[in-house]
Protein backbone atom coordinates (compact mmCIF):
# COMPACT_ATOMS: atom_id res chain seq x y z
CA MET A 1 21.51 -57.54 0.82
CA THR A 2 24.87 -56.76 -0.72
CA GLN A 3 26.71 -53.57 0.24
CA THR A 4 29.69 -54.14 -2.08
CA LYS A 5 31.37 -51.16 -3.75
CA THR A 6 31.57 -52.78 -7.20
CA THR A 7 28.78 -54.81 -8.78
CA LEU A 8 28.35 -56.34 -12.21
CA VAL A 9 25.08 -54.96 -13.54
CA ALA A 10 23.32 -55.97 -16.73
CA ASP A 11 20.24 -55.01 -18.70
CA ILE A 12 19.30 -57.86 -21.03
CA GLY A 13 16.80 -57.01 -23.76
CA GLY A 14 15.53 -58.90 -26.74
CA THR A 15 18.12 -57.28 -29.04
CA ASN A 16 21.01 -56.05 -26.88
CA ALA A 17 22.68 -57.04 -23.62
CA ARG A 18 24.16 -54.12 -21.69
CA PHE A 19 26.85 -54.87 -19.12
CA ALA A 20 28.64 -52.47 -16.79
CA LEU A 21 30.23 -52.06 -13.37
CA ALA A 22 28.33 -50.08 -10.73
CA ARG A 23 30.07 -48.24 -7.91
CA GLY A 24 28.84 -46.10 -5.04
CA THR A 25 25.76 -46.31 -2.84
CA GLU A 26 23.84 -43.04 -2.54
CA ASP A 27 24.93 -41.76 -5.97
CA ILE A 28 25.51 -44.77 -8.20
CA ALA A 29 28.12 -44.48 -10.95
CA ILE A 30 28.13 -46.72 -14.03
CA ASP A 31 31.52 -47.57 -15.56
CA GLN A 32 32.90 -49.69 -18.42
CA LEU A 33 29.59 -50.01 -20.24
CA MET A 34 29.51 -52.48 -23.14
CA ILE A 35 26.56 -53.32 -25.39
CA LEU A 36 26.60 -56.85 -26.82
CA PRO A 37 24.09 -58.15 -29.42
CA THR A 38 22.18 -61.04 -27.86
CA ALA A 39 22.14 -62.86 -31.20
CA ASP A 40 25.93 -63.20 -31.01
CA TYR A 41 25.81 -65.36 -27.87
CA ALA A 42 24.22 -68.71 -27.08
CA SER A 43 23.47 -67.87 -23.45
CA LEU A 44 23.47 -65.20 -20.77
CA GLN A 45 26.47 -66.86 -19.14
CA GLU A 46 28.45 -66.74 -22.39
CA ALA A 47 27.69 -63.04 -22.89
CA ALA A 48 28.54 -62.20 -19.27
CA GLU A 49 31.84 -64.08 -19.45
CA SER A 50 32.70 -62.25 -22.66
CA TYR A 51 32.15 -58.93 -20.93
CA LEU A 52 34.07 -59.91 -17.78
CA ALA A 53 37.03 -60.99 -19.88
CA GLN A 54 37.31 -57.46 -21.27
CA ILE A 55 36.98 -55.30 -18.15
CA ASP A 56 39.78 -53.49 -16.36
CA GLY A 57 40.39 -54.18 -12.68
CA GLN A 58 39.23 -56.91 -10.32
CA ARG A 59 36.39 -59.19 -11.31
CA PRO A 60 33.26 -58.45 -9.21
CA THR A 61 31.84 -61.18 -6.99
CA VAL A 62 28.19 -60.06 -7.06
CA ALA A 63 25.85 -59.19 -9.91
CA ALA A 64 22.40 -57.73 -10.50
CA ILE A 65 20.91 -58.70 -13.84
CA ALA A 66 17.74 -57.17 -15.25
CA ILE A 67 16.02 -59.12 -18.01
CA ALA A 68 13.17 -58.39 -20.40
CA GLY A 69 10.67 -61.00 -19.25
CA PRO A 70 8.93 -62.44 -16.21
CA VAL A 71 11.17 -63.60 -13.36
CA VAL A 72 9.03 -66.36 -11.88
CA GLY A 73 10.22 -69.70 -10.53
CA ARG A 74 13.65 -71.30 -10.90
CA GLN A 75 13.84 -71.36 -14.68
CA VAL A 76 13.81 -68.02 -16.48
CA THR A 77 12.92 -67.83 -20.17
CA MET A 78 13.17 -64.47 -21.88
CA THR A 79 10.19 -63.23 -23.88
CA ASN A 80 11.94 -61.83 -26.98
CA CYS A 81 15.25 -63.69 -26.81
CA ALA A 82 16.16 -67.39 -26.97
CA TRP A 83 18.12 -67.38 -23.71
CA THR A 84 16.95 -69.47 -20.77
CA PHE A 85 18.71 -70.19 -17.47
CA CYS A 86 18.22 -71.44 -13.91
CA ARG A 87 18.26 -68.60 -11.38
CA GLU A 88 19.70 -70.78 -8.61
CA LYS A 89 22.60 -71.99 -10.78
CA LEU A 90 23.53 -68.65 -12.30
CA ALA A 91 25.79 -67.53 -9.42
CA ALA A 92 27.70 -70.82 -9.53
CA ASP A 93 27.93 -70.73 -13.32
CA LEU A 94 29.46 -67.24 -13.16
CA GLY A 95 31.65 -68.07 -10.15
CA MET A 96 30.05 -65.36 -8.01
CA ALA A 97 28.91 -65.19 -4.40
CA GLU A 98 25.54 -63.69 -5.29
CA VAL A 99 23.52 -62.95 -8.43
CA LEU A 100 20.19 -61.14 -8.27
CA VAL A 101 17.88 -61.55 -11.28
CA LEU A 102 15.03 -59.07 -11.72
CA ASN A 103 12.68 -57.86 -14.42
CA ASP A 104 14.09 -54.98 -16.47
CA PHE A 105 11.25 -52.61 -15.65
CA GLU A 106 11.48 -53.57 -11.99
CA ALA A 107 15.07 -52.34 -12.24
CA ILE A 108 14.04 -49.10 -13.96
CA ALA A 109 11.43 -48.51 -11.24
CA CYS A 110 14.21 -48.89 -8.65
CA ALA A 111 16.15 -46.16 -10.46
CA LEU A 112 13.40 -43.53 -10.18
CA PRO A 113 14.48 -42.19 -6.74
CA TYR A 114 18.03 -41.79 -8.11
CA LEU A 115 17.16 -39.77 -11.20
CA HIS A 116 17.92 -36.04 -11.26
CA ASP A 117 15.82 -33.31 -12.87
CA THR A 118 18.23 -33.28 -15.81
CA ASP A 119 17.44 -36.98 -16.38
CA LEU A 120 13.76 -36.24 -17.05
CA LEU A 121 11.69 -34.42 -19.68
CA LYS A 122 8.20 -33.48 -18.54
CA ILE A 123 5.44 -33.97 -21.12
CA GLY A 124 2.28 -32.48 -19.65
CA GLY A 125 0.44 -32.69 -16.35
CA GLY A 126 0.93 -31.15 -12.95
CA ALA A 127 3.48 -31.68 -10.21
CA VAL A 128 4.73 -35.06 -9.02
CA GLN A 129 3.09 -36.04 -5.72
CA GLY A 130 5.94 -37.18 -3.50
CA THR A 131 3.82 -39.71 -1.61
CA GLY A 132 2.09 -41.08 -4.70
CA THR A 133 2.72 -44.30 -6.55
CA LYS A 134 4.99 -43.98 -9.58
CA ILE A 135 4.83 -46.20 -12.64
CA VAL A 136 7.33 -46.70 -15.42
CA LEU A 137 6.48 -48.12 -18.83
CA GLY A 138 7.94 -48.03 -22.26
CA PRO A 139 8.22 -49.62 -25.68
CA GLY A 140 11.32 -51.38 -26.94
CA THR A 141 11.59 -54.89 -28.35
CA GLY A 142 8.48 -55.44 -26.20
CA ILE A 143 6.76 -53.13 -23.72
CA GLY A 144 7.52 -53.17 -20.01
CA LEU A 145 5.70 -51.97 -16.92
CA ALA A 146 6.40 -51.69 -13.20
CA ALA A 147 5.24 -49.58 -10.26
CA LEU A 148 7.01 -48.06 -7.27
CA THR A 149 4.85 -47.35 -4.25
CA PRO A 150 5.85 -45.71 -0.94
CA VAL A 151 5.80 -47.93 2.16
CA GLY A 152 6.80 -46.18 5.39
CA ASP A 153 10.14 -44.49 4.80
CA GLY A 154 10.99 -46.67 1.83
CA TRP A 155 9.72 -47.95 -1.50
CA LYS A 156 8.31 -51.24 -2.71
CA VAL A 157 8.45 -52.31 -6.34
CA LEU A 158 5.45 -53.99 -7.95
CA THR A 159 6.41 -56.02 -11.01
CA SER A 160 4.01 -56.50 -13.89
CA GLU A 161 3.57 -58.10 -17.29
CA GLY A 162 1.01 -55.42 -18.16
CA GLY A 163 2.35 -55.08 -21.67
CA HIS A 164 0.50 -58.29 -22.46
CA VAL A 165 -2.98 -56.99 -21.67
CA GLY A 166 -5.34 -56.96 -24.62
CA PHE A 167 -5.23 -54.08 -27.09
CA ALA A 168 -8.35 -51.90 -26.69
CA PRO A 169 -9.09 -49.77 -29.81
CA ALA A 170 -10.16 -46.18 -29.12
CA ASP A 171 -11.71 -45.28 -32.50
CA GLU A 172 -13.00 -46.82 -35.72
CA LEU A 173 -9.60 -46.88 -37.44
CA GLU A 174 -8.04 -48.73 -34.52
CA ARG A 175 -10.94 -51.19 -34.53
CA GLN A 176 -10.26 -51.87 -38.22
CA ILE A 177 -6.56 -52.28 -37.46
CA LEU A 178 -7.40 -54.79 -34.71
CA GLN A 179 -9.50 -56.86 -37.11
CA THR A 180 -6.68 -56.79 -39.67
CA VAL A 181 -4.01 -57.78 -37.15
CA LYS A 182 -6.15 -60.63 -35.75
CA TYR A 183 -5.55 -62.60 -38.93
CA LYS A 184 -1.92 -62.87 -37.83
CA TYR A 185 -2.33 -62.82 -34.03
CA PRO A 186 -5.64 -64.30 -32.79
CA ARG A 187 -5.06 -62.52 -29.47
CA VAL A 188 -3.72 -59.01 -29.98
CA SER A 189 -1.91 -57.69 -26.91
CA VAL A 190 -0.82 -54.09 -26.47
CA GLU A 191 2.76 -55.23 -27.06
CA ARG A 192 1.84 -56.37 -30.58
CA VAL A 193 1.11 -52.78 -31.64
CA ILE A 194 3.30 -50.55 -29.43
CA SER A 195 6.74 -52.12 -29.59
CA GLY A 196 9.51 -52.16 -32.16
CA SER A 197 7.72 -54.76 -34.26
CA GLY A 198 4.48 -52.83 -33.65
CA PHE A 199 5.60 -50.22 -36.19
CA SER A 200 5.65 -52.92 -38.86
CA THR A 201 2.32 -54.32 -37.68
CA LEU A 202 0.63 -50.92 -37.83
CA TYR A 203 2.22 -49.96 -41.15
CA GLN A 204 1.16 -53.22 -42.79
CA ALA A 205 -2.38 -52.88 -41.40
CA ILE A 206 -2.69 -49.32 -42.77
CA CYS A 207 -1.50 -50.43 -46.20
CA SER A 208 -3.98 -53.30 -46.17
CA LEU A 209 -6.88 -51.03 -45.18
CA GLN A 210 -5.95 -48.53 -47.91
CA GLY A 211 -5.57 -51.22 -50.59
CA ALA A 212 -1.85 -50.53 -51.00
CA GLU A 213 1.03 -52.97 -51.15
CA ALA A 214 3.22 -52.76 -48.04
CA GLU A 215 6.93 -52.30 -48.72
CA PRO A 216 9.27 -54.64 -46.79
CA LEU A 217 10.34 -51.90 -44.36
CA SER A 218 12.10 -52.42 -41.04
CA PRO A 219 10.86 -50.55 -37.95
CA ARG A 220 13.88 -48.24 -38.29
CA GLU A 221 12.97 -47.44 -41.90
CA ILE A 222 9.34 -46.83 -40.96
CA THR A 223 10.24 -44.33 -38.24
CA GLN A 224 12.79 -42.61 -40.48
CA ARG A 225 10.21 -42.15 -43.24
CA ALA A 226 7.71 -40.89 -40.67
CA LEU A 227 10.14 -38.19 -39.58
CA GLU A 228 10.73 -37.19 -43.22
CA ASN A 229 7.07 -37.31 -44.25
CA PRO A 230 4.60 -37.28 -41.33
CA GLU A 231 1.63 -37.35 -43.74
CA GLY A 232 2.65 -40.60 -45.44
CA ARG A 233 1.62 -44.11 -44.43
CA CYS A 234 4.69 -44.49 -42.24
CA GLY A 235 3.82 -41.21 -40.55
CA GLN A 236 0.28 -42.47 -39.99
CA ALA A 237 1.65 -45.65 -38.40
CA VAL A 238 3.88 -43.72 -35.99
CA ASP A 239 1.05 -41.30 -35.17
CA ILE A 240 -1.27 -44.21 -34.31
CA PHE A 241 1.55 -45.78 -32.29
CA CYS A 242 1.89 -42.63 -30.16
CA GLY A 243 -1.86 -42.40 -29.66
CA ILE A 244 -2.21 -46.02 -28.52
CA LEU A 245 0.77 -45.54 -26.20
CA GLY A 246 -1.01 -42.53 -24.67
CA SER A 247 -4.22 -44.49 -24.08
CA TYR A 248 -2.31 -47.41 -22.58
CA ALA A 249 -0.24 -45.13 -20.31
CA GLY A 250 -3.43 -43.44 -19.11
CA ASP A 251 -5.05 -46.82 -18.43
CA MET A 252 -2.06 -47.87 -16.34
CA ALA A 253 -2.07 -44.50 -14.53
CA VAL A 254 -5.63 -45.09 -13.29
CA THR A 255 -4.93 -48.77 -12.62
CA PHE A 256 -2.16 -47.85 -10.17
CA ASN A 257 -3.52 -44.39 -9.21
CA ALA A 258 -0.09 -43.10 -10.22
CA THR A 259 -0.15 -39.58 -8.77
CA GLY A 260 3.62 -39.88 -8.32
CA GLY A 261 4.00 -39.69 -12.08
CA VAL A 262 4.12 -41.86 -15.18
CA TYR A 263 7.70 -42.33 -16.37
CA LEU A 264 8.44 -43.32 -19.96
CA ALA A 265 11.44 -45.50 -20.76
CA GLY A 266 12.61 -47.75 -23.58
CA GLY A 267 14.78 -47.26 -26.61
CA ILE A 268 12.14 -46.18 -29.10
CA LEU A 269 10.93 -42.77 -27.93
CA PRO A 270 14.31 -40.99 -28.20
CA LYS A 271 14.45 -42.03 -31.86
CA ILE A 272 11.12 -40.32 -32.64
CA GLN A 273 11.52 -37.52 -30.09
CA ASP A 274 10.10 -34.54 -31.97
CA PHE A 275 7.30 -36.59 -33.51
CA PHE A 276 6.38 -38.03 -30.12
CA ILE A 277 6.31 -34.71 -28.25
CA ASN A 278 3.98 -33.22 -30.88
CA SER A 279 1.77 -36.31 -31.14
CA ARG A 280 -1.59 -37.15 -29.57
CA PHE A 281 0.12 -39.03 -26.74
CA ARG A 282 -0.81 -36.62 -23.96
CA GLU A 283 -4.30 -35.96 -25.34
CA ARG A 284 -5.03 -39.69 -25.36
CA PHE A 285 -3.41 -40.10 -21.94
CA GLU A 286 -5.82 -37.58 -20.41
CA ASN A 287 -8.91 -38.94 -22.17
CA LYS A 288 -10.27 -40.99 -19.28
CA GLY A 289 -13.85 -39.77 -19.17
CA ARG A 290 -15.04 -38.93 -15.68
CA LEU A 291 -11.59 -39.49 -14.18
CA THR A 292 -10.50 -35.91 -14.78
CA TYR A 293 -7.77 -36.09 -12.13
CA VAL A 294 -5.64 -37.87 -14.72
CA ARG A 295 -5.02 -34.47 -16.31
CA ASP A 296 -2.90 -33.56 -13.27
CA ILE A 297 -0.74 -36.69 -13.41
CA PRO A 298 2.61 -35.78 -14.97
CA THR A 299 4.17 -37.84 -17.72
CA LEU A 300 7.96 -37.71 -17.77
CA GLN A 301 10.30 -39.17 -20.34
CA ILE A 302 13.47 -40.67 -18.86
CA LEU A 303 16.51 -39.18 -20.58
CA GLN A 304 19.07 -41.12 -18.50
CA LYS A 305 20.46 -43.67 -20.96
CA GLN A 306 20.99 -46.57 -18.53
CA PRO A 307 18.27 -46.43 -15.84
CA ALA A 308 17.98 -50.23 -15.57
CA LEU A 309 21.67 -50.51 -14.66
CA ILE A 310 21.33 -47.85 -11.96
CA GLY A 311 18.19 -49.48 -10.61
CA ALA A 312 19.69 -52.97 -10.60
CA ALA A 313 22.62 -51.70 -8.54
CA ALA A 314 20.28 -49.94 -6.11
CA ARG A 315 18.11 -53.05 -5.79
CA ILE A 316 20.91 -55.44 -4.85
CA ARG A 317 22.19 -52.94 -2.29
CA GLY A 318 18.96 -53.44 -0.36
CA HIS A 319 17.52 -49.95 -0.80
CA PHE A 320 14.00 -51.30 -1.35
CA ILE A 321 11.46 -53.27 0.66
CA ALA A 322 11.28 -56.90 -0.42
């Protein structure tokens, strides 16, 4: 794979497209970061060209682009964004020698070996097992998941669309919420309740169950009210959100036997940081019945702001087993 010194890297989400230049090999540096709203551009190519027109220095000839959605087959269609493109044509469309397209959480998984202690906040559990499988998951516009497992002297990334597994209620209130939400979504995936829009879904369900009229609040307004009044309906919604996230993270930990740690990414958790740390997340994570070893698995929040860009650069440099 490419060993170039400068690479165009991108992290394309449902709301924002992050572009930057990556330099270095062992310690990857990210420069000239720009965040472009996806709604302002008709296509990935248009957004990328807009970024490239604004950078200083020589235009890179290779790119690694992480997207929020499955990367399967020639045609890629994003899950929470209207963009679609042909993987094989993208390099030609951008006038580049090589363009690697990968899932955004695949890219974040690739970043894990490059994160420093200061990039992580431990939230419960024991020590990371160096030879154990690591997983990374996190809520944003949707919810992503990927695993990183040791193979010989290297690492192999396992991609996943595990955010679309069915939502499994853990108590009576969550069962009532599921029945309420099913009127809107006949199949309720985990992503429907623990993502940005999940705040609205949970808040509206709580109001319905309590016989109250739901205000037309955005996810940002819901989380802000939760921080101001944790006992209110918005606070209840965010508390339930954190609990469901804990159960889901624990389920994925046992699915992958993730003794190398469960890493939490995404743009939501930093915005509810204090609420999240003091929530039932870790309690629900550990509640796996007879599988008591889960209590030793550490959960670590990623504080590094652009892990997908670092991981995308590492991936195209061939640091991982295909």
